[in-house]
Amino acid sequence: MKRDGQLEKIPTKHKKPIEAQLRSIGETIQNRRKEKGLTQEELAEMVGLTVVALGYIEQGRRYPSLPNLLFICRVLEIPIAFGDK
């Protein structure tokens, strides 16, 4: 799980939209977790993350690796789509 280091190679003009998408991912994870009646502790255990790591992802303070993101989406039954809406 990484933070802004992942974004350093992205040209400045593209960073803000990408950062917004990354924050949106955290919000989506948090909303779906709550819809399913799961605590952070329960979801973290299910996906093999610490509660702190999951909290940071939900807050947009950290970004999950692609494999972790795909696993979280599978566990929460979040459809995955690529590109802009």
Foldseek 3Di string as FASTA:
>chain_A
DAACVVVPVPDPVCVVVVLVVQQVLLCVLVVLCVVVVHDLCRLCVVLVHDSVVNVCSNRSRGGDDPVSSVVSCVVSVPDDDDDDD
